[in-house]
Amino acid sequence: MAKKNERTGKQKAAILLIALGSEKSAKIFSHLQDEEIEELTLEIANMQRVSSEEKTEILEEFYEICLAQDFIAEGGISYAKDVLEKAMGSQKALEIINKLTASLQVRPFDFVRRTDASQLLNFIQNEHPQTLALILSYLNPNQAASILSALPQEKQADVAQRIAIMDRTSPEVIKEVEQVLERKLSSMMTQDYASTGGIQAIVEILLSVDRGTEKFIMETLEIQKADLAEEIRKRMFVFEDIVNLDSVSIQRFIREIDNSDLSVALKASTDEVKEVIYANMSKRMAEMLAEDMEFMGPVRLRDVEEAQQKIVNVIRKLEEAGEIIISRGGGDEIIV
């Protein structure tokens, strides 16, 4: 059996997933590309017996690397090295930093992310919409949302659309923008193209802006690019988000949907979603729903996803009609 220090990176990742358990591993898989999932699944399938000692060592190694990356994000490699030396000693700190430097890329616009949003807005508000989209894509969602909300309305939808359709940006372009905004930043990018933006990036930002800004941007996008607007809407509220609705809203949409759709939708849902649904219906109705799922037998994943999407569409229509509330932050707290 290979020793810990002889394991490849993929093997260590597979052991880490095994150690974390199926539920946490499933959450990690949701953030990976299809080919990465296939490779890790193969590694896990081929993994022979792993000792508890090796699992513990790899978990500790993972924790140390995550810790170092957090410190680097806060203040750069020198800062991370100083903190790690104080916590773990010079030799251990050097070992951790050396592991990272071979593959580590400091995320572009690191300095900008530590700048107050209002100050940053004054600095970039007159930039071209494409430049704004690039910068906002690299900021944390709350910071980007604050800036997007403060932009003139004629720019908001344009910038949002550019973020959503952005795929890859060349290192040369990123460096050029960084030289203007971050003169002291030491770029550690490779010559590969850096992925940023995308639909998920704008979804996270829109979930953090106030409802008025979100509504204006979405209505504008529906006129300019309906297919893009629909894809964004699909991701802004998913079936699992039902657990974040208040009881009145849950009871309201339950009255609008067929029990057959609900039973199929819940067939592959989390226990948390099921418990929330059961808690907002009569005991008898909950028992009947559980019985329907039990006697339903195997259901195709496609059918489950279609049923879940039907319910999500009902929830969206009820929200648009003002009959239920989906809390989105940015001043959308619910007052009872």
C-alpha atoms as a PDB file:
ATOM      1  CA  MET A   1       0.000   0.000   0.000  1.00  0.00           C
ATOM      2  CA  ALA A   2       1.350   3.443  -0.917  1.00  0.00           C
ATOM      3  CA  LYS A   3       2.471   5.609   1.942  1.00  0.00           C
ATOM      4  CA  LYS A   4       1.022   9.052   2.458  1.00  0.00           C
ATOM      5  CA  ASN A   5       4.031  10.861   1.006  1.00  0.00           C
ATOM      6  CA  GLU A   6       3.890   8.601  -2.084  1.00  0.00           C
ATOM      7  CA  ARG A   7       0.258   9.374  -2.876  1.00  0.00           C
ATOM      8  CA  THR A   8      -0.576  11.469  -5.932  1.00  0.00           C
ATOM      9  CA  GLY A   9      -2.689  14.584  -5.581  1.00  0.00           C
ATOM     10  CA  LYS A  10      -5.728  12.766  -6.979  1.00  0.00           C
ATOM     11  CA  GLN A  11      -5.264   9.885  -4.558  1.00  0.00           C
ATOM     12  CA  LYS A  12      -5.038  12.284  -1.624  1.00  0.00           C
ATOM     13  CA  ALA A  13      -8.201  14.037  -2.846  1.00  0.00           C
ATOM     14  CA  ALA A  14      -9.977  10.667  -3.053  1.00  0.00           C
ATOM     15  CA  ILE A  15      -8.894   9.748   0.495  1.00  0.00           C
ATOM     16  CA  LEU A  16     -10.017  13.162   1.712  1.00  0.00           C
ATOM     17  CA  LEU A  17     -13.491  12.614   0.218  1.00  0.00           C
ATOM     18  CA  ILE A  18     -13.662   9.159   1.802  1.00  0.00           C
ATOM     19  CA  ALA A  19     -12.694  10.629   5.171  1.00  0.00           C
ATOM     20  CA  LEU A  20     -15.265  13.427   4.911  1.00  0.00           C
ATOM     21  CA  GLY A  21     -18.139  11.026   4.219  1.00  0.00           C
ATOM     22  CA  SER A  22     -20.740  10.826   1.455  1.00  0.00           C
ATOM     23  CA  GLU A  23     -22.845  13.878   2.398  1.00  0.00           C
ATOM     24  CA  LYS A  24     -19.946  16.334   2.503  1.00  0.00           C
ATOM     25  CA  SER A  25     -18.315  14.716  -0.533  1.00  0.00           C
ATOM     26  CA  ALA A  26     -21.540  15.176  -2.512  1.00  0.00           C
ATOM     27  CA  LYS A  27     -21.474  18.895  -1.729  1.00  0.00           C
ATOM     28  CA  ILE A  28     -17.875  19.098  -2.932  1.00  0.00           C
ATOM     29  CA  PHE A  29     -18.754  17.218  -6.138  1.00  0.00           C
ATOM     30  CA  SER A  30     -21.412  19.840  -6.915  1.00  0.00           C
ATOM     31  CA  HIS A  31     -18.594  22.382  -7.385  1.00  0.00           C
ATOM     32  CA  LEU A  32     -16.440  20.231  -9.678  1.00  0.00           C
ATOM     33  CA  GLN A  33     -16.334  19.768 -13.440  1.00  0.00           C
ATOM     34  CA  ASP A  34     -17.701  16.514 -14.911  1.00  0.00           C
ATOM     35  CA  GLU A  35     -14.233  15.231 -15.817  1.00  0.00           C
ATOM     36  CA  GLU A  36     -12.950  15.959 -12.306  1.00  0.00           C
ATOM     37  CA  ILE A  37     -15.862  14.035 -10.809  1.00  0.00           C
ATOM     38  CA  GLU A  38     -15.157  11.099 -13.132  1.00  0.00           C
ATOM     39  CA  GLU A  39     -11.452  11.045 -12.225  1.00  0.00           C
ATOM     40  CA  LEU A  40     -12.100  11.231  -8.471  1.00  0.00           C
ATOM     41  CA  THR A  41     -14.861   8.626  -8.659  1.00  0.00           C
ATOM     42  CA  LEU A  42     -12.434   6.267 -10.401  1.00  0.00           C
ATOM     43  CA  GLU A  43      -9.766   6.934  -7.757  1.00  0.00           C
ATOM     44  CA  ILE A  44     -12.247   6.258  -4.952  1.00  0.00           C
ATOM     45  CA  ALA A  45     -13.451   3.075  -6.660  1.00  0.00           C
ATOM     46  CA  ASN A  46      -9.889   1.825  -7.060  1.00  0.00           C
ATOM     47  CA  MET A  47      -8.791   2.843  -3.566  1.00  0.00           C
ATOM     48  CA  GLN A  48      -7.700  -0.044  -1.407  1.00  0.00           C
ATOM     49  CA  ARG A  49      -8.051  -0.086   2.365  1.00  0.00           C
ATOM     50  CA  VAL A  50      -6.843   3.180   3.900  1.00  0.00           C
ATOM     51  CA  SER A  51      -5.744   3.288   7.513  1.00  0.00           C
ATOM     52  CA  SER A  52      -7.349   5.715   9.945  1.00  0.00           C
ATOM     53  CA  GLU A  53      -3.873   7.144  10.546  1.00  0.00           C
ATOM     54  CA  GLU A  54      -3.443   8.034   6.875  1.00  0.00           C
ATOM     55  CA  LYS A  55      -6.917   9.567   6.728  1.00  0.00           C
ATOM     56  CA  THR A  56      -6.059  11.744   9.726  1.00  0.00           C
ATOM     57  CA  GLU A  57      -2.732  12.825   8.179  1.00  0.00           C
ATOM     58  CA  ILE A  58      -4.393  13.839   4.903  1.00  0.00           C
ATOM     59  CA  LEU A  59      -7.175  15.709   6.733  1.00  0.00           C
ATOM     60  CA  GLU A  60      -4.492  17.601   8.693  1.00  0.00           C
ATOM     61  CA  GLU A  61      -2.586  18.364   5.481  1.00  0.00           C
ATOM     62  CA  PHE A  62      -5.775  19.646   3.845  1.00  0.00           C
ATOM     63  CA  TYR A  63      -6.549  21.822   6.872  1.00  0.00           C
ATOM     64  CA  GLU A  64      -3.038  23.287   6.903  1.00  0.00           C
ATOM     65  CA  ILE A  65      -3.187  24.160   3.195  1.00  0.00           C
ATOM     66  CA  CYS A  66      -6.640  25.772   3.586  1.00  0.00           C
ATOM     67  CA  LEU A  67      -5.326  27.761   6.542  1.00  0.00           C
ATOM     68  CA  ALA A  68      -2.324  28.946   4.539  1.00  0.00           C
ATOM     69  CA  GLN A  69      -4.514  29.934   1.588  1.00  0.00           C
ATOM     70  CA  ASP A  70      -6.719  32.014   3.888  1.00  0.00           C
ATOM     71  CA  PHE A  71      -3.676  33.802   5.267  1.00  0.00           C
ATOM     72  CA  ILE A  72      -2.354  34.426   1.745  1.00  0.00           C
ATOM     73  CA  ALA A  73      -5.718  35.864   0.707  1.00  0.00           C
ATOM     74  CA  GLU A  74      -5.615  38.184   3.728  1.00  0.00           C
ATOM     75  CA  GLY A  75      -2.107  39.545   3.344  1.00  0.00           C
ATOM     76  CA  GLY A  76       0.017  37.696   0.812  1.00  0.00           C
ATOM     77  CA  ILE A  77       2.611  34.946   1.080  1.00  0.00           C
ATOM     78  CA  SER A  78       4.935  36.837   3.466  1.00  0.00           C
ATOM     79  CA  TYR A  79       2.071  37.442   5.892  1.00  0.00           C
ATOM     80  CA  ALA A  80       0.986  33.785   5.660  1.00  0.00           C
ATOM     81  CA  LYS A  81       4.555  32.616   6.323  1.00  0.00           C
ATOM     82  CA  ASP A  82       4.864  34.870   9.401  1.00  0.00           C
ATOM     83  CA  VAL A  83       1.562  33.683  10.884  1.00  0.00           C
ATOM     84  CA  LEU A  84       2.296  30.015  10.197  1.00  0.00           C
ATOM     85  CA  GLU A  85       5.787  30.314  11.697  1.00  0.00           C
ATOM     86  CA  LYS A  86       4.324  31.700  14.910  1.00  0.00           C
ATOM     87  CA  ALA A  87       1.694  28.966  15.032  1.00  0.00           C
ATOM     88  CA  MET A  88       3.662  25.942  13.830  1.00  0.00           C
ATOM     89  CA  GLY A  89       7.344  26.792  13.738  1.00  0.00           C
ATOM     90  CA  SER A  90       9.657  27.758  10.859  1.00  0.00           C
ATOM     91  CA  GLN A  91      10.159  24.281   9.394  1.00  0.00           C
ATOM     92  CA  LYS A  92       6.459  23.381   9.296  1.00  0.00           C
ATOM     93  CA  ALA A  93       5.531  26.803   7.893  1.00  0.00           C
ATOM     94  CA  LEU A  94       8.117  26.490   5.116  1.00  0.00           C
ATOM     95  CA  GLU A  95       6.871  22.994   4.287  1.00  0.00           C
ATOM     96  CA  ILE A  96       3.272  24.205   3.919  1.00  0.00           C
ATOM     97  CA  ILE A  97       4.211  27.278   1.860  1.00  0.00           C
ATOM     98  CA  ASN A  98       6.420  25.172  -0.436  1.00  0.00           C
ATOM     99  CA  LYS A  99       3.489  22.815  -1.101  1.00  0.00           C
ATOM    100  CA  LEU A 100       1.394  25.744  -2.212  1.00  0.00           C
ATOM    101  CA  THR A 101       3.855  27.738  -4.293  1.00  0.00           C
ATOM    102  CA  ALA A 102       4.172  25.051  -6.974  1.00  0.00           C
ATOM    103  CA  SER A 103       0.506  25.326  -7.945  1.00  0.00           C
ATOM    104  CA  LEU A 104      -0.839  28.363  -6.112  1.00  0.00           C
ATOM    105  CA  GLN A 105      -2.326  31.226  -8.049  1.00  0.00           C
ATOM    106  CA  VAL A 106      -3.089  34.375  -6.115  1.00  0.00           C
ATOM    107  CA  ARG A 107      -6.535  35.395  -7.265  1.00  0.00           C
ATOM    108  CA  PRO A 108      -6.401  38.591  -9.349  1.00  0.00           C
ATOM    109  CA  PHE A 109      -7.648  41.845  -7.782  1.00  0.00           C
ATOM    110  CA  ASP A 110      -6.772  40.583  -4.277  1.00  0.00           C
ATOM    111  CA  PHE A 111      -5.951  44.134  -3.154  1.00  0.00           C
ATOM    112  CA  VAL A 112      -9.226  45.456  -4.555  1.00  0.00           C
ATOM    113  CA  ARG A 113     -11.229  42.909  -2.514  1.00  0.00           C
ATOM    114  CA  ARG A 114      -9.784  44.427   0.661  1.00  0.00           C
ATOM    115  CA  THR A 115     -10.869  47.941  -0.383  1.00  0.00           C
ATOM    116  CA  ASP A 116     -14.056  49.544   0.937  1.00  0.00           C
ATOM    117  CA  ALA A 117     -16.819  49.236  -1.673  1.00  0.00           C
ATOM    118  CA  SER A 118     -17.730  52.946  -1.573  1.00  0.00           C
ATOM    119  CA  GLN A 119     -14.100  53.959  -2.144  1.00  0.00           C
ATOM    120  CA  LEU A 120     -13.741  51.434  -4.929  1.00  0.00           C
ATOM    121  CA  LEU A 121     -16.938  52.697  -6.580  1.00  0.00           C
ATOM    122  CA  ASN A 122     -15.493  56.219  -6.791  1.00  0.00           C
ATOM    123  CA  PHE A 123     -12.416  54.777  -8.417  1.00  0.00           C
ATOM    124  CA  ILE A 124     -14.056  52.566 -11.063  1.00  0.00           C
ATOM    125  CA  GLN A 125     -17.545  53.932 -11.761  1.00  0.00           C
ATOM    126  CA  ASN A 126     -16.447  55.685 -14.967  1.00  0.00           C
ATOM    127  CA  GLU A 127     -14.705  52.624 -16.378  1.00  0.00           C
ATOM    128  CA  HIS A 128     -16.022  50.830 -19.465  1.00  0.00           C
ATOM    129  CA  PRO A 129     -18.823  48.319 -18.652  1.00  0.00           C
ATOM    130  CA  GLN A 130     -16.602  45.407 -19.753  1.00  0.00           C
ATOM    131  CA  THR A 131     -13.869  46.519 -17.330  1.00  0.00           C
ATOM    132  CA  LEU A 132     -16.465  46.875 -14.561  1.00  0.00           C
ATOM    133  CA  ALA A 133     -17.777  43.381 -15.328  1.00  0.00           C
ATOM    134  CA  LEU A 134     -14.271  41.919 -15.092  1.00  0.00           C
ATOM    135  CA  ILE A 135     -13.558  43.608 -11.749  1.00  0.00           C
ATOM    136  CA  LEU A 136     -16.936  42.720 -10.197  1.00  0.00           C
ATOM    137  CA  SER A 137     -16.497  39.083 -11.238  1.00  0.00           C
ATOM    138  CA  TYR A 138     -13.476  38.823  -8.956  1.00  0.00           C
ATOM    139  CA  LEU A 139     -15.023  40.565  -5.942  1.00  0.00           C
ATOM    140  CA  ASN A 140     -16.999  38.788  -3.235  1.00  0.00           C
ATOM    141  CA  PRO A 141     -20.765  38.865  -3.980  1.00  0.00           C
ATOM    142  CA  ASN A 142     -21.651  41.385  -1.252  1.00  0.00           C
ATOM    143  CA  GLN A 143     -18.966  43.829  -2.362  1.00  0.00           C
ATOM    144  CA  ALA A 144     -19.913  43.440  -6.032  1.00  0.00           C
ATOM    145  CA  ALA A 145     -23.618  43.818  -5.198  1.00  0.00           C
ATOM    146  CA  SER A 146     -22.984  47.083  -3.359  1.00  0.00           C
ATOM    147  CA  ILE A 147     -21.134  48.514  -6.356  1.00  0.00           C
ATOM    148  CA  LEU A 148     -23.636  47.201  -8.932  1.00  0.00           C
ATOM    149  CA  SER A 149     -26.539  48.747  -6.988  1.00  0.00           C
ATOM    150  CA  ALA A 150     -24.799  52.130  -6.926  1.00  0.00           C
ATOM    151  CA  LEU A 151     -24.093  52.282 -10.653  1.00  0.00           C
ATOM    152  CA  PRO A 152     -26.380  54.371 -12.897  1.00  0.00           C
ATOM    153  CA  GLN A 153     -29.356  52.268 -13.978  1.00  0.00           C
ATOM    154  CA  GLU A 154     -28.393  52.480 -17.636  1.00  0.00           C
ATOM    155  CA  LYS A 155     -25.150  50.666 -16.723  1.00  0.00           C
ATOM    156  CA  GLN A 156     -26.509  48.073 -14.288  1.00  0.00           C
ATOM    157  CA  ALA A 157     -28.113  45.669 -16.760  1.00  0.00           C
ATOM    158  CA  ASP A 158     -25.259  46.099 -19.248  1.00  0.00           C
ATOM    159  CA  VAL A 159     -22.644  45.179 -16.628  1.00  0.00           C
ATOM    160  CA  ALA A 160     -24.800  42.292 -15.310  1.00  0.00           C
ATOM    161  CA  GLN A 161     -25.157  40.856 -18.824  1.00  0.00           C
ATOM    162  CA  ARG A 162     -21.418  41.125 -19.451  1.00  0.00           C
ATOM    163  CA  ILE A 163     -20.674  39.246 -16.210  1.00  0.00           C
ATOM    164  CA  ALA A 164     -23.146  36.500 -17.111  1.00  0.00           C
ATOM    165  CA  ILE A 165     -21.766  35.872 -20.603  1.00  0.00           C
ATOM    166  CA  MET A 166     -18.120  36.247 -19.593  1.00  0.00           C
ATOM    167  CA  ASP A 167     -16.238  32.986 -19.929  1.00  0.00           C
ATOM    168  CA  ARG A 168     -12.465  33.380 -20.054  1.00  0.00           C
ATOM    169  CA  THR A 169     -10.224  36.428 -19.946  1.00  0.00           C
ATOM    170  CA  SER A 170      -6.617  36.396 -21.117  1.00  0.00           C
ATOM    171  CA  PRO A 171      -3.883  37.022 -18.541  1.00  0.00           C
ATOM    172  CA  GLU A 172      -2.690  40.029 -20.557  1.00  0.00           C
ATOM    173  CA  VAL A 173      -6.034  41.798 -20.196  1.00  0.00           C
ATOM    174  CA  ILE A 174      -6.261  41.020 -16.482  1.00  0.00           C
ATOM    175  CA  LYS A 175      -2.698  42.278 -15.937  1.00  0.00           C
ATOM    176  CA  GLU A 176      -3.440  45.477 -17.835  1.00  0.00           C
ATOM    177  CA  VAL A 177      -6.451  46.237 -15.633  1.00  0.00           C
ATOM    178  CA  GLU A 178      -4.506  45.272 -12.501  1.00  0.00           C
ATOM    179  CA  GLN A 179      -1.687  47.662 -13.384  1.00  0.00           C
ATOM    180  CA  VAL A 180      -4.167  50.515 -13.205  1.00  0.00           C
ATOM    181  CA  LEU A 181      -6.016  49.371 -10.075  1.00  0.00           C
ATOM    182  CA  GLU A 182      -3.363  47.387  -8.201  1.00  0.00           C
ATOM    183  CA  ARG A 183       0.070  48.795  -9.000  1.00  0.00           C
ATOM    184  CA  LYS A 184       1.665  47.008  -6.055  1.00  0.00           C
ATOM    185  CA  LEU A 185       0.071  43.626  -6.674  1.00  0.00           C
ATOM    186  CA  SER A 186       2.553  40.846  -7.493  1.00  0.00           C
ATOM    187  CA  SER A 187       0.697  38.726 -10.016  1.00  0.00           C
ATOM    188  CA  MET A 188       1.257  34.956  -9.765  1.00  0.00           C
ATOM    189  CA  MET A 189      -0.931  34.004 -12.687  1.00  0.00           C
ATOM    190  CA  THR A 190       0.118  31.333 -15.153  1.00  0.00           C
ATOM    191  CA  GLN A 191      -0.069  31.824 -18.899  1.00  0.00           C
ATOM    192  CA  ASP A 192      -3.250  29.765 -19.000  1.00  0.00           C
ATOM    193  CA  TYR A 193      -6.527  31.546 -19.490  1.00  0.00           C
ATOM    194  CA  ALA A 194      -8.176  32.447 -16.203  1.00  0.00           C
ATOM    195  CA  SER A 195     -11.821  31.481 -15.834  1.00  0.00           C
ATOM    196  CA  THR A 196     -14.103  34.043 -14.223  1.00  0.00           C
ATOM    197  CA  GLY A 197     -17.571  35.468 -14.483  1.00  0.00           C
ATOM    198  CA  GLY A 198     -20.290  33.239 -15.849  1.00  0.00           C
ATOM    199  CA  ILE A 199     -23.935  32.916 -14.941  1.00  0.00           C
ATOM    200  CA  GLN A 200     -23.257  31.693 -11.406  1.00  0.00           C
ATOM    201  CA  ALA A 201     -21.173  34.804 -10.717  1.00  0.00           C
ATOM    202  CA  ILE A 202     -24.029  37.160 -11.598  1.00  0.00           C
ATOM    203  CA  VAL A 203     -26.539  34.946  -9.748  1.00  0.00           C
ATOM    204  CA  GLU A 204     -24.534  35.288  -6.517  1.00  0.00           C
ATOM    205  CA  ILE A 205     -24.323  39.052  -6.997  1.00  0.00           C
ATOM    206  CA  LEU A 206     -28.038  39.445  -7.748  1.00  0.00           C
ATOM    207  CA  LEU A 207     -28.912  37.389  -4.667  1.00  0.00           C
ATOM    208  CA  SER A 208     -27.084  40.011  -2.611  1.00  0.00           C
ATOM    209  CA  VAL A 209     -28.462  43.201  -4.174  1.00  0.00           C
ATOM    210  CA  ASP A 210     -31.706  44.818  -3.027  1.00  0.00           C
ATOM    211  CA  ARG A 211     -34.939  43.614  -4.626  1.00  0.00           C
ATOM    212  CA  GLY A 212     -35.402  46.854  -6.632  1.00  0.00           C
ATOM    213  CA  THR A 213     -32.017  46.573  -8.316  1.00  0.00           C
ATOM    214  CA  GLU A 214     -32.506  42.864  -8.991  1.00  0.00           C
ATOM    215  CA  LYS A 215     -35.966  43.501 -10.496  1.00  0.00           C
ATOM    216  CA  PHE A 216     -34.726  46.282 -12.778  1.00  0.00           C
ATOM    217  CA  ILE A 217     -31.766  44.235 -14.047  1.00  0.00           C
ATOM    218  CA  MET A 218     -33.866  41.114 -14.659  1.00  0.00           C
ATOM    219  CA  GLU A 219     -36.619  43.026 -16.480  1.00  0.00           C
ATOM    220  CA  THR A 220     -34.017  44.690 -18.706  1.00  0.00           C
ATOM    221  CA  LEU A 221     -32.299  41.383 -19.446  1.00  0.00           C
ATOM    222  CA  GLU A 222     -35.659  39.773 -20.300  1.00  0.00           C
ATOM    223  CA  ILE A 223     -36.070  42.374 -23.035  1.00  0.00           C
ATOM    224  CA  GLN A 224     -32.489  42.286 -24.289  1.00  0.00           C
ATOM    225  CA  LYS A 225     -31.658  38.600 -23.839  1.00  0.00           C
ATOM    226  CA  ALA A 226     -34.607  36.471 -22.698  1.00  0.00           C
ATOM    227  CA  ASP A 227     -32.768  33.133 -22.737  1.00  0.00           C
ATOM    228  CA  LEU A 228     -30.026  34.499 -20.478  1.00  0.00           C
ATOM    229  CA  ALA A 229     -32.591  35.977 -18.089  1.00  0.00           C
ATOM    230  CA  GLU A 230     -34.389  32.626 -17.855  1.00  0.00           C
ATOM    231  CA  GLU A 231     -31.153  30.769 -17.087  1.00  0.00           C
ATOM    232  CA  ILE A 232     -30.332  33.266 -14.328  1.00  0.00           C
ATOM    233  CA  ARG A 233     -33.846  32.928 -12.872  1.00  0.00           C
ATOM    234  CA  LYS A 234     -33.485  29.125 -12.773  1.00  0.00           C
ATOM    235  CA  ARG A 235     -30.408  29.441 -10.602  1.00  0.00           C
ATOM    236  CA  MET A 236     -31.634  32.201  -8.310  1.00  0.00           C
ATOM    237  CA  PHE A 237     -34.132  29.944  -6.543  1.00  0.00           C
ATOM    238  CA  VAL A 238     -33.728  26.186  -6.588  1.00  0.00           C
ATOM    239  CA  PHE A 239     -35.886  23.488  -5.061  1.00  0.00           C
ATOM    240  CA  GLU A 240     -33.615  23.075  -2.022  1.00  0.00           C
ATOM    241  CA  ASP A 241     -34.127  26.774  -1.188  1.00  0.00           C
ATOM    242  CA  ILE A 242     -37.632  25.881   0.019  1.00  0.00           C
ATOM    243  CA  VAL A 243     -36.093  25.412   3.474  1.00  0.00           C
ATOM    244  CA  ASN A 244     -35.453  29.179   3.564  1.00  0.00           C
ATOM    245  CA  LEU A 245     -39.115  30.115   3.024  1.00  0.00           C
ATOM    246  CA  ASP A 246     -41.342  31.077   5.933  1.00  0.00           C
ATOM    247  CA  SER A 247     -44.197  28.750   6.941  1.00  0.00           C
ATOM    248  CA  VAL A 248     -46.927  30.942   5.432  1.00  0.00           C
ATOM    249  CA  SER A 249     -45.177  30.922   2.039  1.00  0.00           C
ATOM    250  CA  ILE A 250     -44.643  27.156   2.135  1.00  0.00           C
ATOM    251  CA  GLN A 251     -48.291  26.500   3.004  1.00  0.00           C
ATOM    252  CA  ARG A 252     -49.337  28.884   0.237  1.00  0.00           C
ATOM    253  CA  PHE A 253     -47.437  27.158  -2.577  1.00  0.00           C
ATOM    254  CA  ILE A 254     -48.424  23.680  -1.333  1.00  0.00           C
ATOM    255  CA  ARG A 255     -52.064  24.636  -2.038  1.00  0.00           C
ATOM    256  CA  GLU A 256     -51.117  25.451  -5.642  1.00  0.00           C
ATOM    257  CA  ILE A 257     -49.348  22.229  -6.611  1.00  0.00           C
ATOM    258  CA  ASP A 258     -50.489  18.676  -7.366  1.00  0.00           C
ATOM    259  CA  ASN A 259     -49.671  16.064  -4.749  1.00  0.00           C
ATOM    260  CA  SER A 260     -48.332  13.821  -7.513  1.00  0.00           C
ATOM    261  CA  ASP A 261     -45.749  16.460  -8.505  1.00  0.00           C
ATOM    262  CA  LEU A 262     -44.816  16.999  -4.864  1.00  0.00           C
ATOM    263  CA  SER A 263     -44.311  13.286  -4.162  1.00  0.00           C
ATOM    264  CA  VAL A 264     -42.070  12.895  -7.240  1.00  0.00           C
ATOM    265  CA  ALA A 265     -40.131  16.065  -6.393  1.00  0.00           C
ATOM    266  CA  LEU A 266     -39.492  14.906  -2.831  1.00  0.00           C
ATOM    267  CA  LYS A 267     -38.368  11.457  -3.969  1.00  0.00           C
ATOM    268  CA  ALA A 268     -34.757  12.623  -4.348  1.00  0.00           C
ATOM    269  CA  SER A 269     -34.784  15.660  -2.048  1.00  0.00           C
ATOM    270  CA  THR A 270     -32.882  16.113   1.186  1.00  0.00           C
ATOM    271  CA  ASP A 271     -34.384  15.097   4.522  1.00  0.00           C
ATOM    272  CA  GLU A 272     -34.362  18.783   5.502  1.00  0.00           C
ATOM    273  CA  VAL A 273     -36.660  19.691   2.595  1.00  0.00           C
ATOM    274  CA  LYS A 274     -38.989  16.777   3.372  1.00  0.00           C
ATOM    275  CA  GLU A 275     -39.208  17.755   7.056  1.00  0.00           C
ATOM    276  CA  VAL A 276     -40.052  21.361   6.184  1.00  0.00           C
ATOM    277  CA  ILE A 277     -42.803  20.239   3.792  1.00  0.00           C
ATOM    278  CA  TYR A 278     -44.264  17.726   6.284  1.00  0.00           C
ATOM    279  CA  ALA A 279     -44.208  20.344   9.049  1.00  0.00           C
ATOM    280  CA  ASN A 280     -46.398  22.662   6.967  1.00  0.00           C
ATOM    281  CA  MET A 281     -49.232  20.274   6.171  1.00  0.00           C
ATOM    282  CA  SER A 282     -51.677  18.239   8.203  1.00  0.00           C
ATOM    283  CA  LYS A 283     -50.475  15.011   9.795  1.00  0.00           C
ATOM    284  CA  ARG A 284     -52.815  12.990   7.587  1.00  0.00           C
ATOM    285  CA  MET A 285     -51.623  14.699   4.400  1.00  0.00           C
ATOM    286  CA  ALA A 286     -47.986  14.174   5.420  1.00  0.00           C
ATOM    287  CA  GLU A 287     -48.633  10.474   6.008  1.00  0.00           C
ATOM    288  CA  MET A 288     -50.331  10.108   2.610  1.00  0.00           C
ATOM    289  CA  LEU A 289     -47.435  11.878   0.898  1.00  0.00           C
ATOM    290  CA  ALA A 290     -44.888   9.608   2.599  1.00  0.00           C
ATOM    291  CA  GLU A 291     -46.926   6.545   1.569  1.00  0.00           C
ATOM    292  CA  ASP A 292     -47.095   7.755  -2.044  1.00  0.00           C
ATOM    293  CA  MET A 293     -43.303   8.057  -2.165  1.00  0.00           C
ATOM    294  CA  GLU A 294     -42.827   4.676  -0.526  1.00  0.00           C
ATOM    295  CA  PHE A 295     -45.033   2.808  -3.028  1.00  0.00           C
ATOM    296  CA  MET A 296     -43.909   4.851  -6.038  1.00  0.00           C
ATOM    297  CA  GLY A 297     -40.884   2.690  -6.800  1.00  0.00           C
ATOM    298  CA  PRO A 298     -37.872   3.877  -8.818  1.00  0.00           C
ATOM    299  CA  VAL A 299     -38.243   7.266 -10.499  1.00  0.00           C
ATOM    300  CA  ARG A 300     -36.102   8.672 -13.290  1.00  0.00           C
ATOM    301  CA  LEU A 301     -33.912  11.581 -12.218  1.00  0.00           C
ATOM    302  CA  ARG A 302     -35.233  13.585 -15.164  1.00  0.00           C
ATOM    303  CA  ASP A 303     -38.803  13.200 -13.861  1.00  0.00           C
ATOM    304  CA  VAL A 304     -37.733  14.315 -10.378  1.00  0.00           C
ATOM    305  CA  GLU A 305     -35.992  17.403 -11.782  1.00  0.00           C
ATOM    306  CA  GLU A 306     -39.031  18.267 -13.921  1.00  0.00           C
ATOM    307  CA  ALA A 307     -41.363  17.998 -10.905  1.00  0.00           C
ATOM    308  CA  GLN A 308     -39.030  20.124  -8.794  1.00  0.00           C
ATOM    309  CA  GLN A 309     -38.836  22.743 -11.543  1.00  0.00           C
ATOM    310  CA  LYS A 310     -42.655  22.855 -11.769  1.00  0.00           C
ATOM    311  CA  ILE A 311     -42.820  23.652  -8.057  1.00  0.00           C
ATOM    312  CA  VAL A 312     -40.057  26.272  -8.338  1.00  0.00           C
ATOM    313  CA  ASN A 313     -41.987  27.925 -11.201  1.00  0.00           C
ATOM    314  CA  VAL A 314     -45.126  28.054  -9.028  1.00  0.00           C
ATOM    315  CA  ILE A 315     -43.125  29.654  -6.211  1.00  0.00           C
ATOM    316  CA  ARG A 316     -41.698  32.260  -8.601  1.00  0.00           C
ATOM    317  CA  LYS A 317     -45.164  33.147  -9.937  1.00  0.00           C
ATOM    318  CA  LEU A 318     -46.533  33.517  -6.413  1.00  0.00           C
ATOM    319  CA  GLU A 319     -43.628  35.772  -5.510  1.00  0.00           C
ATOM    320  CA  GLU A 320     -44.151  37.926  -8.608  1.00  0.00           C
ATOM    321  CA  ALA A 321     -47.822  38.237  -7.620  1.00  0.00           C
ATOM    322  CA  GLY A 322     -46.743  39.363  -4.145  1.00  0.00           C
ATOM    323  CA  GLU A 323     -48.395  36.376  -2.437  1.00  0.00           C
ATOM    324  CA  ILE A 324     -45.215  34.960  -0.924  1.00  0.00           C
ATOM    325  CA  ILE A 325     -41.840  36.418   0.004  1.00  0.00           C
ATOM    326  CA  ILE A 326     -38.418  35.062  -0.890  1.00  0.00           C
ATOM    327  CA  SER A 327     -35.897  36.775   1.347  1.00  0.00           C
ATOM    328  CA  ARG A 328     -32.836  37.779  -0.695  1.00  0.00           C
ATOM    329  CA  GLY A 329     -30.916  40.001   1.729  1.00  0.00           C
ATOM    330  CA  GLY A 330     -30.108  43.614   0.917  1.00  0.00           C
ATOM    331  CA  GLY A 331     -32.934  44.963   3.072  1.00  0.00           C
ATOM    332  CA  ASP A 332     -35.363  42.150   2.291  1.00  0.00           C
ATOM    333  CA  GLU A 333     -35.672  41.042   5.926  1.00  0.00           C
ATOM    334  CA  ILE A 334     -39.211  40.000   6.728  1.00  0.00           C
ATOM    335  CA  ILE A 335     -41.116  42.055   9.296  1.00  0.00           C
ATOM    336  CA  VAL A 336     -43.868  40.098  11.011  1.00  0.00           C
END
